[in-house]
């Protein structure tokens, strides 16, 4: 399973859309089998900050996937959720993740003219 395809599928279904740069870095490094300590050393961030970022990421994925996601099981969960039930030789190119709640933005402005942006973020004030 290609990392970029999994990352795109995850970002597509998460409630807030795109992962932050730190979340994406933690996700990528965990995908490559690195520990939080190694990620902190590579990135220059504090180990506690990396652990907190990972925890929040796994929580978001748990809510999206409908089962507990951890650093130890996230690859298996995503394989089950992203890859369809077909044999490996006919794996779907479109990720099959469970639907998430979506809002109808009705007359929202047309953002199709923006260039060079991989995704748009919806900022919600708490």
N, C-alpha and C. Protein backbone atom coordinates (compact mmCIF):
# COMPACT_ATOMS: atom_id res chain seq x y z
N UNK A 1 0.85 -1.17 0.00
CA UNK A 1 0.00 0.00 0.00
C UNK A 1 0.90 1.24 0.00
N UNK A 2 0.69 2.14 -0.95
CA UNK A 2 1.50 3.34 -1.09
C UNK A 2 1.12 4.38 -0.04
N UNK A 3 2.13 4.97 0.59
CA UNK A 3 1.89 5.94 1.64
C UNK A 3 1.08 7.12 1.14
N UNK A 4 1.42 7.66 -0.02
CA UNK A 4 0.74 8.86 -0.53
C UNK A 4 -0.75 8.59 -0.74
N UNK A 5 -1.11 7.39 -1.20
CA UNK A 5 -2.52 7.06 -1.40
C UNK A 5 -3.24 6.99 -0.06
N UNK A 6 -2.60 6.42 0.94
CA UNK A 6 -3.19 6.32 2.27
C UNK A 6 -3.34 7.72 2.87
N UNK A 7 -2.32 8.55 2.74
CA UNK A 7 -2.38 9.91 3.25
C UNK A 7 -3.52 10.69 2.60
N UNK A 8 -3.66 10.56 1.30
CA UNK A 8 -4.75 11.26 0.59
C UNK A 8 -6.11 10.78 1.08
N UNK A 9 -6.24 9.46 1.29
CA UNK A 9 -7.51 8.91 1.77
C UNK A 9 -7.82 9.40 3.17
N UNK A 10 -6.82 9.43 4.04
CA UNK A 10 -7.02 9.90 5.41
C UNK A 10 -7.45 11.35 5.41
N UNK A 11 -6.77 12.19 4.64
CA UNK A 11 -7.13 13.61 4.60
C UNK A 11 -8.51 13.83 4.00
N UNK A 12 -8.92 12.95 3.11
CA UNK A 12 -10.22 13.09 2.47
C UNK A 12 -11.37 12.89 3.46
N UNK A 13 -11.19 12.01 4.43
CA UNK A 13 -12.30 11.68 5.31
C UNK A 13 -12.26 12.31 6.69
N UNK A 14 -11.14 12.89 7.07
CA UNK A 14 -11.06 13.52 8.39
C UNK A 14 -11.97 14.74 8.44
N UNK A 15 -12.61 14.94 9.57
CA UNK A 15 -13.56 16.04 9.73
C UNK A 15 -12.94 17.40 9.41
N UNK A 16 -11.73 17.63 9.88
CA UNK A 16 -11.09 18.93 9.65
C UNK A 16 -10.34 18.96 8.33
N UNK A 17 -10.43 17.90 7.54
CA UNK A 17 -9.74 17.89 6.25
C UNK A 17 -8.27 17.55 6.40
N UNK A 18 -7.44 18.43 5.96
CA UNK A 18 -6.00 18.18 5.90
C UNK A 18 -5.36 18.00 7.27
N UNK A 19 -4.30 17.24 7.29
CA UNK A 19 -3.49 17.12 8.49
C UNK A 19 -2.60 18.35 8.58
N UNK A 20 -2.28 18.75 9.79
CA UNK A 20 -1.31 19.84 9.95
C UNK A 20 0.05 19.30 9.51
N UNK A 21 0.99 20.19 9.30
CA UNK A 21 2.33 19.74 8.87
C UNK A 21 2.94 18.80 9.90
N UNK A 22 2.74 19.10 11.18
CA UNK A 22 3.29 18.24 12.23
C UNK A 22 2.59 16.89 12.24
N UNK A 23 1.26 16.88 12.10
CA UNK A 23 0.52 15.61 12.06
C UNK A 23 0.97 14.77 10.87
N UNK A 24 1.12 15.41 9.71
CA UNK A 24 1.57 14.67 8.54
C UNK A 24 2.97 14.10 8.74
N UNK A 25 3.86 14.89 9.36
CA UNK A 25 5.21 14.41 9.62
C UNK A 25 5.18 13.21 10.57
N UNK A 26 4.39 13.31 11.65
CA UNK A 26 4.28 12.20 12.60
C UNK A 26 3.69 10.97 11.91
N UNK A 27 2.64 11.18 11.11
CA UNK A 27 2.01 10.07 10.40
C UNK A 27 3.02 9.39 9.47
N UNK A 28 3.75 10.19 8.70
CA UNK A 28 4.74 9.65 7.75
C UNK A 28 5.85 8.89 8.49
N UNK A 29 6.38 9.49 9.55
CA UNK A 29 7.48 8.86 10.28
C UNK A 29 7.03 7.59 10.99
N UNK A 30 5.81 7.59 11.54
CA UNK A 30 5.28 6.37 12.16
C UNK A 30 5.07 5.30 11.10
N UNK A 31 4.61 5.71 9.92
CA UNK A 31 4.42 4.77 8.81
C UNK A 31 5.75 4.08 8.48
N UNK A 32 6.85 4.83 8.61
CA UNK A 32 8.18 4.30 8.32
C UNK A 32 8.77 3.55 9.52
N UNK A 33 8.02 3.45 10.61
CA UNK A 33 8.44 2.63 11.75
C UNK A 33 9.28 3.35 12.79
N UNK A 34 9.32 4.65 12.75
CA UNK A 34 10.12 5.39 13.72
C UNK A 34 9.37 5.59 15.03
N UNK A 35 10.13 5.65 16.12
CA UNK A 35 9.56 5.91 17.44
C UNK A 35 9.34 7.40 17.61
N UNK A 36 8.55 7.77 18.62
CA UNK A 36 8.34 9.18 18.90
C UNK A 36 9.66 9.88 19.24
N UNK A 37 10.54 9.20 19.95
CA UNK A 37 11.85 9.78 20.29
C UNK A 37 12.65 10.05 19.02
N UNK A 38 12.67 9.11 18.10
CA UNK A 38 13.39 9.31 16.83
C UNK A 38 12.78 10.46 16.03
N UNK A 39 11.45 10.53 16.01
CA UNK A 39 10.77 11.61 15.28
C UNK A 39 11.14 12.95 15.88
N UNK A 40 11.16 13.03 17.21
CA UNK A 40 11.53 14.27 17.89
C UNK A 40 12.96 14.67 17.55
N UNK A 41 13.86 13.70 17.55
CA UNK A 41 15.26 14.00 17.25
C UNK A 41 15.43 14.47 15.80
N UNK A 42 14.72 13.84 14.87
CA UNK A 42 14.81 14.21 13.46
C UNK A 42 14.22 15.60 13.23
N UNK A 43 13.10 15.87 13.87
CA UNK A 43 12.35 17.11 13.59
C UNK A 43 12.79 18.30 14.43
N UNK A 44 13.41 18.02 15.58
CA UNK A 44 13.80 19.10 16.47
C UNK A 44 12.71 19.50 17.46
N UNK A 45 11.57 18.80 17.41
CA UNK A 45 10.50 19.07 18.37
C UNK A 45 10.75 18.31 19.66
N UNK A 46 10.10 18.73 20.72
CA UNK A 46 10.14 18.05 22.00
C UNK A 46 9.41 16.71 21.88
N UNK A 47 9.92 15.68 22.52
CA UNK A 47 9.29 14.36 22.45
C UNK A 47 7.85 14.39 22.94
N UNK A 48 7.58 15.13 24.00
CA UNK A 48 6.21 15.24 24.52
C UNK A 48 5.26 15.83 23.49
N UNK A 49 5.72 16.83 22.76
CA UNK A 49 4.89 17.45 21.73
C UNK A 49 4.59 16.44 20.61
N UNK A 50 5.58 15.67 20.23
CA UNK A 50 5.37 14.65 19.18
C UNK A 50 4.39 13.60 19.68
N UNK A 51 4.52 13.16 20.93
CA UNK A 51 3.59 12.18 21.49
C UNK A 51 2.17 12.73 21.53
N UNK A 52 2.02 13.98 21.94
CA UNK A 52 0.69 14.60 21.99
C UNK A 52 0.09 14.71 20.60
N UNK A 53 0.90 15.10 19.63
CA UNK A 53 0.43 15.20 18.25
C UNK A 53 -0.02 13.84 17.75
N UNK A 54 0.78 12.80 18.03
CA UNK A 54 0.41 11.45 17.63
C UNK A 54 -0.88 11.00 18.31
N UNK A 55 -1.01 11.28 19.58
CA UNK A 55 -2.21 10.90 20.31
C UNK A 55 -3.45 11.53 19.69
N UNK A 56 -3.38 12.84 19.43
CA UNK A 56 -4.53 13.53 18.82
C UNK A 56 -4.83 12.97 17.43
N UNK A 57 -3.79 12.64 16.67
CA UNK A 57 -3.99 12.06 15.34
C UNK A 57 -4.68 10.71 15.43
N UNK A 58 -4.24 9.85 16.34
CA UNK A 58 -4.85 8.52 16.48
C UNK A 58 -6.30 8.66 16.95
N UNK A 59 -6.58 9.67 17.82
CA UNK A 59 -7.96 9.90 18.26
C UNK A 59 -8.85 10.29 17.08
N UNK A 60 -8.38 11.20 16.24
CA UNK A 60 -9.15 11.61 15.06
C UNK A 60 -9.41 10.42 14.14
N UNK A 61 -8.38 9.60 13.93
CA UNK A 61 -8.54 8.43 13.07
C UNK A 61 -9.48 7.41 13.70
N UNK A 62 -9.44 7.27 15.02
CA UNK A 62 -10.35 6.35 15.72
C UNK A 62 -11.79 6.76 15.48
N UNK A 63 -12.07 8.06 15.60
CA UNK A 63 -13.43 8.54 15.37
C UNK A 63 -13.86 8.30 13.93
N UNK A 64 -12.97 8.52 12.99
CA UNK A 64 -13.29 8.35 11.58
C UNK A 64 -13.48 6.89 11.21
N UNK A 65 -12.62 6.01 11.71
CA UNK A 65 -12.64 4.61 11.33
C UNK A 65 -13.65 3.78 12.13
N UNK A 66 -14.10 4.31 13.25
CA UNK A 66 -15.07 3.58 14.06
C UNK A 66 -14.45 2.49 14.91
N UNK A 67 -13.14 2.51 15.05
CA UNK A 67 -12.45 1.57 15.96
C UNK A 67 -11.20 2.24 16.48
N UNK A 68 -10.69 1.71 17.60
CA UNK A 68 -9.53 2.33 18.25
C UNK A 68 -8.30 2.22 17.35
N UNK A 69 -7.68 3.36 17.08
CA UNK A 69 -6.47 3.43 16.28
C UNK A 69 -5.34 3.88 17.18
N UNK A 70 -4.22 3.16 17.13
CA UNK A 70 -3.04 3.50 17.92
C UNK A 70 -1.82 3.48 17.00
N UNK A 71 -0.69 3.92 17.54
CA UNK A 71 0.56 3.88 16.77
C UNK A 71 0.92 2.45 16.38
N UNK A 72 0.54 1.50 17.23
CA UNK A 72 0.88 0.11 16.95
C UNK A 72 -0.05 -0.54 15.93
N UNK A 73 -1.30 -0.10 15.82
CA UNK A 73 -2.23 -0.80 14.94
C UNK A 73 -2.72 0.01 13.74
N UNK A 74 -2.25 1.27 13.59
CA UNK A 74 -2.85 2.13 12.57
C UNK A 74 -2.70 1.60 11.16
N UNK A 75 -1.59 0.93 10.85
CA UNK A 75 -1.42 0.39 9.49
C UNK A 75 -2.46 -0.68 9.20
N UNK A 76 -2.67 -1.58 10.15
CA UNK A 76 -3.66 -2.64 9.97
C UNK A 76 -5.07 -2.10 9.84
N UNK A 77 -5.41 -1.13 10.69
CA UNK A 77 -6.75 -0.53 10.63
C UNK A 77 -6.94 0.14 9.28
N UNK A 78 -5.96 0.93 8.85
CA UNK A 78 -6.09 1.63 7.58
C UNK A 78 -6.13 0.66 6.40
N UNK A 79 -5.39 -0.44 6.49
CA UNK A 79 -5.47 -1.45 5.42
C UNK A 79 -6.88 -2.02 5.32
N UNK A 80 -7.48 -2.31 6.47
CA UNK A 80 -8.84 -2.86 6.47
C UNK A 80 -9.85 -1.83 5.95
N UNK A 81 -9.65 -0.59 6.33
CA UNK A 81 -10.62 0.44 6.00
C UNK A 81 -10.41 1.00 4.59
N UNK A 82 -9.15 1.20 4.19
CA UNK A 82 -8.85 1.82 2.91
C UNK A 82 -8.96 0.84 1.75
N UNK A 83 -8.44 -0.36 1.94
CA UNK A 83 -8.43 -1.34 0.85
C UNK A 83 -9.76 -2.08 0.85
N UNK A 84 -10.34 -2.20 -0.32
CA UNK A 84 -11.62 -2.90 -0.43
C UNK A 84 -11.43 -4.39 -0.17
N UNK A 85 -12.51 -5.12 -0.13
CA UNK A 85 -12.46 -6.54 0.16
C UNK A 85 -12.01 -7.39 -1.02
N UNK A 86 -11.65 -6.75 -2.13
CA UNK A 86 -11.22 -7.51 -3.30
C UNK A 86 -9.82 -8.05 -3.10
N UNK A 87 -9.40 -9.04 -3.90
CA UNK A 87 -8.04 -9.58 -3.80
C UNK A 87 -7.00 -8.49 -4.04
N UNK A 88 -5.80 -8.72 -3.54
CA UNK A 88 -4.73 -7.73 -3.61
C UNK A 88 -4.43 -7.30 -5.04
N UNK A 89 -4.59 -8.18 -6.01
CA UNK A 89 -4.27 -7.82 -7.39
C UNK A 89 -5.27 -6.84 -7.99
N UNK A 90 -6.43 -6.70 -7.37
CA UNK A 90 -7.44 -5.79 -7.90
C UNK A 90 -7.82 -4.73 -6.87
N UNK A 91 -6.83 -4.28 -6.11
CA UNK A 91 -7.07 -3.28 -5.07
C UNK A 91 -7.62 -2.02 -5.72
N UNK A 92 -8.63 -1.47 -5.11
CA UNK A 92 -9.28 -0.26 -5.62
C UNK A 92 -8.31 0.91 -5.58
N UNK A 93 -8.32 1.72 -6.63
CA UNK A 93 -7.50 2.92 -6.62
C UNK A 93 -8.20 4.03 -5.85
N UNK A 94 -9.50 3.91 -5.64
CA UNK A 94 -10.24 4.87 -4.84
C UNK A 94 -10.35 4.34 -3.41
N UNK A 95 -9.83 5.06 -2.42
CA UNK A 95 -9.90 4.60 -1.04
C UNK A 95 -11.35 4.43 -0.60
N UNK A 96 -11.60 3.38 0.16
CA UNK A 96 -12.95 3.09 0.65
C UNK A 96 -12.99 3.30 2.15
N UNK A 97 -13.14 4.55 2.58
CA UNK A 97 -13.24 4.85 4.00
C UNK A 97 -14.69 5.14 4.33
N UNK A 98 -15.09 4.92 5.58
CA UNK A 98 -16.48 5.17 5.95
C UNK A 98 -16.82 6.65 5.79
N UNK A 99 -18.06 6.95 5.44
CA UNK A 99 -18.44 8.35 5.27
C UNK A 99 -18.40 9.09 6.59
N UNK A 100 -18.11 10.36 6.52
CA UNK A 100 -18.13 11.19 7.71
C UNK A 100 -19.26 12.20 7.56
N UNK A 101 -19.60 12.81 8.66
CA UNK A 101 -20.66 13.80 8.58
C UNK A 101 -20.15 15.00 7.79
N UNK A 102 -20.97 15.48 6.88
CA UNK A 102 -20.62 16.63 6.04
C UNK A 102 -21.66 17.71 6.22
N UNK A 103 -21.26 18.94 6.00
CA UNK A 103 -22.19 20.05 6.10
C UNK A 103 -22.45 20.59 4.71
N UNK A 104 -23.69 21.01 4.47
CA UNK A 104 -24.04 21.66 3.22
C UNK A 104 -23.70 23.13 3.35
N UNK A 105 -22.74 23.60 2.58
CA UNK A 105 -22.31 24.98 2.65
C UNK A 105 -23.11 25.86 1.70
N UNK A 106 -24.09 25.28 1.03
CA UNK A 106 -25.02 26.04 0.19
C UNK A 106 -24.35 27.00 -0.77
N UNK A 107 -24.40 28.27 -0.46
CA UNK A 107 -23.88 29.30 -1.35
C UNK A 107 -22.45 29.72 -1.01
N UNK A 108 -21.63 28.79 -0.60
CA UNK A 108 -20.24 29.11 -0.29
C UNK A 108 -19.54 29.59 -1.55
N UNK A 109 -18.50 30.40 -1.36
CA UNK A 109 -17.79 30.95 -2.53
C UNK A 109 -17.09 29.83 -3.30
N UNK A 110 -16.92 30.05 -4.60
CA UNK A 110 -16.25 29.09 -5.46
C UNK A 110 -14.75 29.21 -5.25
N UNK A 111 -14.11 28.13 -4.78
CA UNK A 111 -12.68 28.16 -4.52
C UNK A 111 -11.90 27.38 -5.56
N UNK A 112 -12.54 27.03 -6.66
CA UNK A 112 -11.87 26.22 -7.68
C UNK A 112 -10.78 26.98 -8.41
N UNK A 113 -10.72 28.31 -8.27
CA UNK A 113 -9.71 29.08 -8.98
C UNK A 113 -8.40 29.20 -8.23
N UNK A 114 -8.34 28.73 -7.00
CA UNK A 114 -7.09 28.76 -6.26
C UNK A 114 -6.13 27.74 -6.86
N UNK A 115 -4.90 28.13 -7.04
CA UNK A 115 -3.90 27.24 -7.63
C UNK A 115 -2.78 26.99 -6.63
N UNK A 116 -2.20 25.80 -6.69
CA UNK A 116 -1.04 25.49 -5.87
C UNK A 116 -1.35 25.16 -4.43
N UNK A 117 -2.59 24.86 -4.13
CA UNK A 117 -2.96 24.50 -2.76
C UNK A 117 -3.43 23.06 -2.77
N UNK A 118 -2.84 22.26 -1.89
CA UNK A 118 -3.20 20.85 -1.88
C UNK A 118 -4.53 20.60 -1.22
N UNK A 119 -4.94 21.46 -0.31
CA UNK A 119 -6.23 21.30 0.33
C UNK A 119 -6.59 22.58 1.05
N UNK A 120 -7.84 22.71 1.37
CA UNK A 120 -8.32 23.88 2.10
C UNK A 120 -8.69 23.45 3.50
N UNK A 121 -8.50 24.31 4.47
CA UNK A 121 -8.83 23.99 5.84
C UNK A 121 -10.01 24.82 6.29
N UNK A 122 -10.84 24.22 7.08
CA UNK A 122 -11.96 24.92 7.68
C UNK A 122 -11.56 25.21 9.12
N UNK A 123 -11.49 26.47 9.47
CA UNK A 123 -11.09 26.87 10.81
C UNK A 123 -12.35 27.10 11.63
N UNK A 124 -12.41 26.46 12.77
CA UNK A 124 -13.56 26.59 13.65
C UNK A 124 -13.09 27.16 14.97
N UNK A 125 -13.68 28.28 15.36
CA UNK A 125 -13.36 28.89 16.64
C UNK A 125 -14.13 28.14 17.74
N UNK A 126 -13.46 27.83 18.84
CA UNK A 126 -14.12 27.13 19.94
C UNK A 126 -14.44 28.11 21.02
